[in-house]
Amino acid sequence: MRDRYLEVTFRKRRVLAAYLYLPRPSDAKSARTEQQGDGILVDYMENGDPMGIEITAPERITANALNAVLERLGPPPITEDEFAPLPA
């Protein structure tokens, strides 16, 4: 998968959780998960590359907090358009 995308799960019209898929091979599987702050978990492939970011507390996550994690991991920051569904 070449592009990243944000998948948002809603329940009763409220954001329940989200997952930011990062570019990765289509057959990639998570080998480990690390907590990267309150409500943010990062999944890593066996080779150590990040494959996605789970957002378990979307009501507490800001674009700045997510971008701080992305900066540590290497991908470019999230744009306003990508982040827009979270506070919806």
PDB file of N, CA and C in Angstrom:
ATOM      1  N   MET A   1       0.849  -1.175   0.000  1.00  0.00           N
ATOM      2  CA  MET A   1       0.000   0.000   0.000  1.00  0.00           C
ATOM      3  C   MET A   1       0.895   1.239   0.000  1.00  0.00           C
ATOM      4  N   ARG A   2       0.693   2.076  -0.974  1.00  0.00           N
ATOM      5  CA  ARG A   2       1.572   3.230  -1.133  1.00  0.00           C
ATOM      6  C   ARG A   2       1.134   4.445  -0.317  1.00  0.00           C
ATOM      7  N   ASP A   3      -0.162   4.667  -0.203  1.00  0.00           N
ATOM      8  CA  ASP A   3      -0.658   5.869   0.453  1.00  0.00           C
ATOM      9  C   ASP A   3      -1.176   5.567   1.844  1.00  0.00           C
ATOM     10  N   ARG A   4      -1.103   6.552   2.690  1.00  0.00           N
ATOM     11  CA  ARG A   4      -1.699   6.372   4.010  1.00  0.00           C
ATOM     12  C   ARG A   4      -3.142   6.859   3.952  1.00  0.00           C
ATOM     13  N   TYR A   5      -3.942   6.344   4.884  1.00  0.00           N
ATOM     14  CA  TYR A   5      -5.318   6.804   4.982  1.00  0.00           C
ATOM     15  C   TYR A   5      -5.825   6.577   6.396  1.00  0.00           C
ATOM     16  N   LEU A   6      -6.818   7.359   6.773  1.00  0.00           N
ATOM     17  CA  LEU A   6      -7.407   7.291   8.101  1.00  0.00           C
ATOM     18  C   LEU A   6      -8.755   6.586   8.009  1.00  0.00           C
ATOM     19  N   GLU A   7      -8.903   5.534   8.804  1.00  0.00           N
ATOM     20  CA  GLU A   7     -10.177   4.820   8.887  1.00  0.00           C
ATOM     21  C   GLU A   7     -10.789   5.151  10.248  1.00  0.00           C
ATOM     22  N   VAL A   8     -12.016   5.639  10.240  1.00  0.00           N
ATOM     23  CA  VAL A   8     -12.678   6.071  11.468  1.00  0.00           C
ATOM     24  C   VAL A   8     -13.887   5.179  11.731  1.00  0.00           C
ATOM     25  N   THR A   9     -14.011   4.720  12.978  1.00  0.00           N
ATOM     26  CA  THR A   9     -15.141   3.895  13.391  1.00  0.00           C
ATOM     27  C   THR A   9     -16.086   4.751  14.229  1.00  0.00           C
ATOM     28  N   PHE A  10     -17.354   4.775  13.820  1.00  0.00           N
ATOM     29  CA  PHE A  10     -18.369   5.545  14.536  1.00  0.00           C
ATOM     30  C   PHE A  10     -19.322   4.604  15.256  1.00  0.00           C
ATOM     31  N   ARG A  11     -19.857   5.080  16.358  1.00  0.00           N
ATOM     32  CA  ARG A  11     -20.915   4.358  17.076  1.00  0.00           C
ATOM     33  C   ARG A  11     -21.880   5.399  17.612  1.00  0.00           C
ATOM     34  N   LYS A  12     -23.116   5.241  17.280  1.00  0.00           N
ATOM     35  CA  LYS A  12     -24.149   6.198  17.686  1.00  0.00           C
ATOM     36  C   LYS A  12     -23.755   7.625  17.312  1.00  0.00           C
ATOM     37  N   ARG A  13     -23.251   7.756  16.085  1.00  0.00           N
ATOM     38  CA  ARG A  13     -22.873   9.050  15.495  1.00  0.00           C
ATOM     39  C   ARG A  13     -21.698   9.737  16.182  1.00  0.00           C
ATOM     40  N   ARG A  14     -20.955   8.993  16.975  1.00  0.00           N
ATOM     41  CA  ARG A  14     -19.764   9.543  17.638  1.00  0.00           C
ATOM     42  C   ARG A  14     -18.549   8.727  17.214  1.00  0.00           C
ATOM     43  N   VAL A  15     -17.416   9.404  17.151  1.00  0.00           N
ATOM     44  CA  VAL A  15     -16.177   8.716  16.801  1.00  0.00           C
ATOM     45  C   VAL A  15     -15.775   7.816  17.963  1.00  0.00           C
ATOM     46  N   LEU A  16     -15.642   6.527  17.672  1.00  0.00           N
ATOM     47  CA  LEU A  16     -15.279   5.550  18.699  1.00  0.00           C
ATOM     48  C   LEU A  16     -13.769   5.304  18.702  1.00  0.00           C
ATOM     49  N   ALA A  17     -13.196   5.154  17.518  1.00  0.00           N
ATOM     50  CA  ALA A  17     -11.766   4.876  17.373  1.00  0.00           C
ATOM     51  C   ALA A  17     -11.365   5.196  15.945  1.00  0.00           C
ATOM     52  N   ALA A  18     -10.058   5.190  15.708  1.00  0.00           N
ATOM     53  CA  ALA A  18      -9.562   5.443  14.357  1.00  0.00           C
ATOM     54  C   ALA A  18      -8.237   4.715  14.183  1.00  0.00           C
ATOM     55  N   TYR A  19      -7.883   4.506  12.920  1.00  0.00           N
ATOM     56  CA  TYR A  19      -6.614   3.864  12.598  1.00  0.00           C
ATOM     57  C   TYR A  19      -6.024   4.575  11.399  1.00  0.00           C
ATOM     58  N   LEU A  20      -4.799   5.061  11.561  1.00  0.00           N
ATOM     59  CA  LEU A  20      -4.081   5.715  10.470  1.00  0.00           C
ATOM     60  C   LEU A  20      -3.164   4.673   9.842  1.00  0.00           C
ATOM     61  N   TYR A  21      -3.553   4.192   8.671  1.00  0.00           N
ATOM     62  CA  TYR A  21      -2.752   3.205   7.944  1.00  0.00           C
ATOM     63  C   TYR A  21      -1.593   3.927   7.279  1.00  0.00           C
ATOM     64  N   LEU A  22      -0.383   3.450   7.509  1.00  0.00           N
ATOM     65  CA  LEU A  22       0.810   4.013   6.898  1.00  0.00           C
ATOM     66  C   LEU A  22       1.204   3.170   5.690  1.00  0.00           C
ATOM     67  N   PRO A  23       1.959   3.732   4.751  1.00  0.00           N
ATOM     68  CA  PRO A  23       2.397   2.939   3.599  1.00  0.00           C
ATOM     69  C   PRO A  23       3.143   1.684   4.066  1.00  0.00           C
ATOM     70  N   ARG A  24       2.786   0.546   3.466  1.00  0.00           N
ATOM     71  CA  ARG A  24       3.363  -0.739   3.857  1.00  0.00           C
ATOM     72  C   ARG A  24       3.047  -1.760   2.785  1.00  0.00           C
ATOM     73  N   PRO A  25       3.737  -2.900   2.803  1.00  0.00           N
ATOM     74  CA  PRO A  25       3.397  -3.967   1.854  1.00  0.00           C
ATOM     75  C   PRO A  25       1.979  -4.480   2.135  1.00  0.00           C
ATOM     76  N   SER A  26       1.295  -4.921   1.113  1.00  0.00           N
ATOM     77  CA  SER A  26      -0.091  -5.363   1.276  1.00  0.00           C
ATOM     78  C   SER A  26      -0.220  -6.595   2.184  1.00  0.00           C
ATOM     79  N   ASP A  27       0.827  -7.376   2.308  1.00  0.00           N
ATOM     80  CA  ASP A  27       0.772  -8.568   3.163  1.00  0.00           C
ATOM     81  C   ASP A  27       1.371  -8.339   4.552  1.00  0.00           C
ATOM     82  N   ALA A  28       1.620  -7.072   4.919  1.00  0.00           N
ATOM     83  CA  ALA A  28       2.251  -6.756   6.209  1.00  0.00           C
ATOM     84  C   ALA A  28       1.359  -7.163   7.373  1.00  0.00           C
ATOM     85  N   LYS A  29       2.012  -7.653   8.425  1.00  0.00           N
ATOM     86  CA  LYS A  29       1.313  -8.023   9.656  1.00  0.00           C
ATOM     87  C   LYS A  29       2.013  -7.364  10.826  1.00  0.00           C
ATOM     88  N   SER A  30       1.244  -7.050  11.842  1.00  0.00           N
ATOM     89  CA  SER A  30       1.796  -6.421  13.032  1.00  0.00           C
ATOM     90  C   SER A  30       2.574  -7.444  13.862  1.00  0.00           C
ATOM     91  N   ALA A  31       3.800  -7.079  14.228  1.00  0.00           N
ATOM     92  CA  ALA A  31       4.633  -7.954  15.057  1.00  0.00           C
ATOM     93  C   ALA A  31       4.664  -7.470  16.503  1.00  0.00           C
ATOM     94  N   ARG A  32       4.454  -6.173  16.688  1.00  0.00           N
ATOM     95  CA  ARG A  32       4.422  -5.623  18.049  1.00  0.00           C
ATOM     96  C   ARG A  32       3.706  -4.286  18.035  1.00  0.00           C
ATOM     97  N   THR A  33       3.257  -3.887  19.209  1.00  0.00           N
ATOM     98  CA  THR A  33       2.534  -2.622  19.381  1.00  0.00           C
ATOM     99  C   THR A  33       3.148  -1.874  20.547  1.00  0.00           C
ATOM    100  N   GLU A  34       3.316  -0.568  20.368  1.00  0.00           N
ATOM    101  CA  GLU A  34       3.864   0.293  21.426  1.00  0.00           C
ATOM    102  C   GLU A  34       2.916   1.438  21.702  1.00  0.00           C
ATOM    103  N   GLN A  35       2.724   1.726  22.978  1.00  0.00           N
ATOM    104  CA  GLN A  35       1.939   2.897  23.343  1.00  0.00           C
ATOM    105  C   GLN A  35       2.813   4.134  23.146  1.00  0.00           C
ATOM    106  N   GLN A  36       2.257   5.156  22.509  1.00  0.00           N
ATOM    107  CA  GLN A  36       3.008   6.383  22.217  1.00  0.00           C
ATOM    108  C   GLN A  36       2.328   7.590  22.831  1.00  0.00           C
ATOM    109  N   GLY A  37       1.714   7.405  23.957  1.00  0.00           N
ATOM    110  CA  GLY A  37       0.998   8.490  24.615  1.00  0.00           C
ATOM    111  C   GLY A  37      -0.421   8.049  24.905  1.00  0.00           C
ATOM    112  N   ASP A  38      -1.159   8.915  25.533  1.00  0.00           N
ATOM    113  CA  ASP A  38      -2.517   8.618  25.941  1.00  0.00           C
ATOM    114  C   ASP A  38      -3.410   8.462  24.722  1.00  0.00           C
ATOM    115  N   GLY A  39      -3.855   7.258  24.453  1.00  0.00           N
ATOM    116  CA  GLY A  39      -4.779   7.006  23.362  1.00  0.00           C
ATOM    117  C   GLY A  39      -4.151   6.786  22.006  1.00  0.00           C
ATOM    118  N   ILE A  40      -2.833   6.608  21.953  1.00  0.00           N
ATOM    119  CA  ILE A  40      -2.149   6.367  20.679  1.00  0.00           C
ATOM    120  C   ILE A  40      -1.281   5.117  20.798  1.00  0.00           C
ATOM    121  N   LEU A  41      -1.545   4.143  19.915  1.00  0.00           N
ATOM    122  CA  LEU A  41      -0.750   2.918  19.841  1.00  0.00           C
ATOM    123  C   LEU A  41      -0.169   2.805  18.438  1.00  0.00           C
ATOM    124  N   VAL A  42       1.097   2.414  18.341  1.00  0.00           N
ATOM    125  CA  VAL A  42       1.738   2.254  17.043  1.00  0.00           C
ATOM    126  C   VAL A  42       2.010   0.769  16.809  1.00  0.00           C
ATOM    127  N   ASP A  43       1.558   0.278  15.663  1.00  0.00           N
ATOM    128  CA  ASP A  43       1.827  -1.099  15.252  1.00  0.00           C
ATOM    129  C   ASP A  43       3.070  -1.111  14.371  1.00  0.00           C
ATOM    130  N   TYR A  44       3.964  -2.071  14.631  1.00  0.00           N
ATOM    131  CA  TYR A  44       5.211  -2.218  13.876  1.00  0.00           C
ATOM    132  C   TYR A  44       5.247  -3.569  13.182  1.00  0.00           C
ATOM    133  N   MET A  45       5.822  -3.583  12.007  1.00  0.00           N
ATOM    134  CA  MET A  45       6.054  -4.833  11.292  1.00  0.00           C
ATOM    135  C   MET A  45       7.261  -5.539  11.912  1.00  0.00           C
ATOM    136  N   GLU A  46       7.494  -6.759  11.500  1.00  0.00           N
ATOM    137  CA  GLU A  46       8.607  -7.547  12.024  1.00  0.00           C
ATOM    138  C   GLU A  46       9.949  -6.861  11.788  1.00  0.00           C
ATOM    139  N   ASN A  47      10.090  -6.138  10.674  1.00  0.00           N
ATOM    140  CA  ASN A  47      11.358  -5.461  10.378  1.00  0.00           C
ATOM    141  C   ASN A  47      11.547  -4.165  11.168  1.00  0.00           C
ATOM    142  N   GLY A  48      10.564  -3.798  11.994  1.00  0.00           N
ATOM    143  CA  GLY A  48      10.678  -2.614  12.837  1.00  0.00           C
ATOM    144  C   GLY A  48      10.060  -1.355  12.265  1.00  0.00           C
ATOM    145  N   ASP A  49       9.602  -1.411  11.020  1.00  0.00           N
ATOM    146  CA  ASP A  49       8.959  -0.248  10.408  1.00  0.00           C
ATOM    147  C   ASP A  49       7.534  -0.099  10.929  1.00  0.00           C
ATOM    148  N   PRO A  50       7.086   1.137  11.157  1.00  0.00           N
ATOM    149  CA  PRO A  50       5.703   1.339  11.592  1.00  0.00           C
ATOM    150  C   PRO A  50       4.744   1.046  10.443  1.00  0.00           C
ATOM    151  N   MET A  51       3.615   0.436  10.770  1.00  0.00           N
ATOM    152  CA  MET A  51       2.627   0.129   9.732  1.00  0.00           C
ATOM    153  C   MET A  51       1.304   0.837   9.956  1.00  0.00           C
ATOM    154  N   GLY A  52       1.078   1.342  11.169  1.00  0.00           N
ATOM    155  CA  GLY A  52      -0.164   2.046  11.433  1.00  0.00           C
ATOM    156  C   GLY A  52      -0.223   2.584  12.846  1.00  0.00           C
ATOM    157  N   ILE A  53      -1.139   3.523  13.028  1.00  0.00           N
ATOM    158  CA  ILE A  53      -1.321   4.164  14.328  1.00  0.00           C
ATOM    159  C   ILE A  53      -2.780   4.007  14.734  1.00  0.00           C
ATOM    160  N   GLU A  54      -2.990   3.332  15.857  1.00  0.00           N
ATOM    161  CA  GLU A  54      -4.337   3.169  16.392  1.00  0.00           C
ATOM    162  C   GLU A  54      -4.633   4.315  17.346  1.00  0.00           C
ATOM    163  N   ILE A  55      -5.770   4.940  17.154  1.00  0.00           N
ATOM    164  CA  ILE A  55      -6.187   6.063  17.998  1.00  0.00           C
ATOM    165  C   ILE A  55      -7.379   5.564  18.804  1.00  0.00           C
ATOM    166  N   THR A  56      -7.128   5.256  20.077  1.00  0.00           N
ATOM    167  CA  THR A  56      -8.151   4.643  20.919  1.00  0.00           C
ATOM    168  C   THR A  56      -8.965   5.661  21.702  1.00  0.00           C
ATOM    169  N   ALA A  57      -8.490   6.885  21.757  1.00  0.00           N
ATOM    170  CA  ALA A  57      -9.205   7.952  22.472  1.00  0.00           C
ATOM    171  C   ALA A  57      -9.278   9.180  21.582  1.00  0.00           C
ATOM    172  N   PRO A  58     -10.041   9.108  20.481  1.00  0.00           N
ATOM    173  CA  PRO A  58     -10.041  10.200  19.508  1.00  0.00           C
ATOM    174  C   PRO A  58     -10.499  11.533  20.074  1.00  0.00           C
ATOM    175  N   GLU A  59     -11.305  11.504  21.116  1.00  0.00           N
ATOM    176  CA  GLU A  59     -11.774  12.759  21.707  1.00  0.00           C
ATOM    177  C   GLU A  59     -10.660  13.512  22.439  1.00  0.00           C
ATOM    178  N   ARG A  60      -9.565  12.813  22.734  1.00  0.00           N
ATOM    179  CA  ARG A  60      -8.446  13.452  23.446  1.00  0.00           C
ATOM    180  C   ARG A  60      -7.246  13.727  22.554  1.00  0.00           C
ATOM    181  N   ILE A  61      -7.289  13.293  21.316  1.00  0.00           N
ATOM    182  CA  ILE A  61      -6.137  13.418  20.428  1.00  0.00           C
ATOM    183  C   ILE A  61      -6.257  14.675  19.569  1.00  0.00           C
ATOM    184  N   THR A  62      -5.171  15.409  19.495  1.00  0.00           N
ATOM    185  CA  THR A  62      -5.120  16.586  18.633  1.00  0.00           C
ATOM    186  C   THR A  62      -4.215  16.268  17.435  1.00  0.00           C
ATOM    187  N   ALA A  63      -4.337  17.089  16.413  1.00  0.00           N
ATOM    188  CA  ALA A  63      -3.460  16.931  15.249  1.00  0.00           C
ATOM    189  C   ALA A  63      -2.005  17.102  15.680  1.00  0.00           C
ATOM    190  N   ASN A  64      -1.739  18.016  16.600  1.00  0.00           N
ATOM    191  CA  ASN A  64      -0.368  18.228  17.078  1.00  0.00           C
ATOM    192  C   ASN A  64       0.179  16.989  17.769  1.00  0.00           C
ATOM    193  N   ALA A  65      -0.635  16.314  18.583  1.00  0.00           N
ATOM    194  CA  ALA A  65      -0.187  15.094  19.269  1.00  0.00           C
ATOM    195  C   ALA A  65       0.110  13.987  18.261  1.00  0.00           C
ATOM    196  N   LEU A  66      -0.758  13.854  17.275  1.00  0.00           N
ATOM    197  CA  LEU A  66      -0.549  12.832  16.247  1.00  0.00           C
ATOM    198  C   LEU A  66       0.679  13.163  15.406  1.00  0.00           C
ATOM    199  N   ASN A  67       0.871  14.430  15.093  1.00  0.00           N
ATOM    200  CA  ASN A  67       2.045  14.833  14.315  1.00  0.00           C
ATOM    201  C   ASN A  67       3.345  14.647  15.093  1.00  0.00           C
ATOM    202  N   ALA A  68       3.303  14.780  16.408  1.00  0.00           N
ATOM    203  CA  ALA A  68       4.498  14.522  17.219  1.00  0.00           C
ATOM    204  C   ALA A  68       4.911  13.056  17.089  1.00  0.00           C
ATOM    205  N   VAL A  69       3.940  12.148  17.076  1.00  0.00           N
ATOM    206  CA  VAL A  69       4.231  10.726  16.891  1.00  0.00           C
ATOM    207  C   VAL A  69       4.767  10.487  15.483  1.00  0.00           C
ATOM    208  N   LEU A  70       4.106  11.061  14.487  1.00  0.00           N
ATOM    209  CA  LEU A  70       4.562  10.895  13.106  1.00  0.00           C
ATOM    210  C   LEU A  70       5.975  11.425  12.912  1.00  0.00           C
ATOM    211  N   GLU A  71       6.300  12.517  13.576  1.00  0.00           N
ATOM    212  CA  GLU A  71       7.656  13.074  13.458  1.00  0.00           C
ATOM    213  C   GLU A  71       8.693  12.092  13.987  1.00  0.00           C
ATOM    214  N   ARG A  72       8.383  11.414  15.093  1.00  0.00           N
ATOM    215  CA  ARG A  72       9.307  10.417  15.648  1.00  0.00           C
ATOM    216  C   ARG A  72       9.443   9.204  14.728  1.00  0.00           C
ATOM    217  N   LEU A  73       8.351   8.866  14.036  1.00  0.00           N
ATOM    218  CA  LEU A  73       8.339   7.678  13.183  1.00  0.00           C
ATOM    219  C   LEU A  73       8.912   7.921  11.795  1.00  0.00           C
ATOM    220  N   GLY A  74       8.843   9.167  11.308  1.00  0.00           N
ATOM    221  CA  GLY A  74       9.400   9.481  10.000  1.00  0.00           C
ATOM    222  C   GLY A  74       8.431   9.921   8.921  1.00  0.00           C
ATOM    223  N   PRO A  75       7.164   9.441   8.904  1.00  0.00           N
ATOM    224  CA  PRO A  75       6.252   9.899   7.853  1.00  0.00           C
ATOM    225  C   PRO A  75       5.946  11.393   7.979  1.00  0.00           C
ATOM    226  N   PRO A  76       5.488  12.013   6.887  1.00  0.00           N
ATOM    227  CA  PRO A  76       5.147  13.431   6.935  1.00  0.00           C
ATOM    228  C   PRO A  76       3.965  13.692   7.872  1.00  0.00           C
ATOM    229  N   PRO A  77       3.816  14.919   8.330  1.00  0.00           N
ATOM    230  CA  PRO A  77       2.714  15.241   9.245  1.00  0.00           C
ATOM    231  C   PRO A  77       1.348  15.032   8.586  1.00  0.00           C
ATOM    232  N   ILE A  78       0.362  14.837   9.431  1.00  0.00           N
ATOM    233  CA  ILE A  78      -1.007  14.688   8.954  1.00  0.00           C
ATOM    234  C   ILE A  78      -1.536  16.066   8.562  1.00  0.00           C
ATOM    235  N   THR A  79      -2.311  16.109   7.501  1.00  0.00           N
ATOM    236  CA  THR A  79      -2.875  17.380   7.051  1.00  0.00           C
ATOM    237  C   THR A  79      -4.216  17.630   7.747  1.00  0.00           C
ATOM    238  N   GLU A  80      -4.685  18.845   7.660  1.00  0.00           N
ATOM    239  CA  GLU A  80      -5.990  19.180   8.245  1.00  0.00           C
ATOM    240  C   GLU A  80      -7.094  18.340   7.620  1.00  0.00           C
ATOM    241  N   ASP A  81      -7.025  18.138   6.305  1.00  0.00           N
ATOM    242  CA  ASP A  81      -8.043  17.336   5.621  1.00  0.00           C
ATOM    243  C   ASP A  81      -8.041  15.884   6.109  1.00  0.00           C
ATOM    244  N   GLU A  82      -6.854  15.316   6.327  1.00  0.00           N
ATOM    245  CA  GLU A  82      -6.773  13.926   6.823  1.00  0.00           C
ATOM    246  C   GLU A  82      -7.312  13.820   8.239  1.00  0.00           C
ATOM    247  N   PHE A  83      -7.056  14.828   9.070  1.00  0.00           N
ATOM    248  CA  PHE A  83      -7.433  14.803  10.470  1.00  0.00           C
ATOM    249  C   PHE A  83      -8.907  15.164  10.680  1.00  0.00           C
ATOM    250  N   ALA A  84      -9.524  15.826   9.739  1.00  0.00           N
ATOM    251  CA  ALA A  84     -10.875  16.386   9.886  1.00  0.00           C
ATOM    252  C   ALA A  84     -11.938  15.411  10.398  1.00  0.00           C
ATOM    253  N   PRO A  85     -11.943  14.128  10.002  1.00  0.00           N
ATOM    254  CA  PRO A  85     -13.005  13.232  10.510  1.00  0.00           C
ATOM    255  C   PRO A  85     -12.933  12.961  12.003  1.00  0.00           C
ATOM    256  N   LEU A  86     -11.779  13.115  12.636  1.00  0.00           N
ATOM    257  CA  LEU A  86     -11.671  12.762  14.063  1.00  0.00           C
ATOM    258  C   LEU A  86     -12.520  13.634  14.970  1.00  0.00           C
ATOM    259  N   PRO A  87     -12.423  14.941  14.901  1.00  0.00           N
ATOM    260  CA  PRO A  87     -13.242  15.731  15.814  1.00  0.00           C
ATOM    261  C   PRO A  87     -14.710  15.848  15.390  1.00  0.00           C
ATOM    262  N   ALA A  88     -15.097  15.158  14.340  1.00  0.00           N
ATOM    263  CA  ALA A  88     -16.465  15.278  13.792  1.00  0.00           C
ATOM    264  C   ALA A  88     -17.535  14.908  14.800  1.00  0.00           C
TER     265      ALA A  88
END
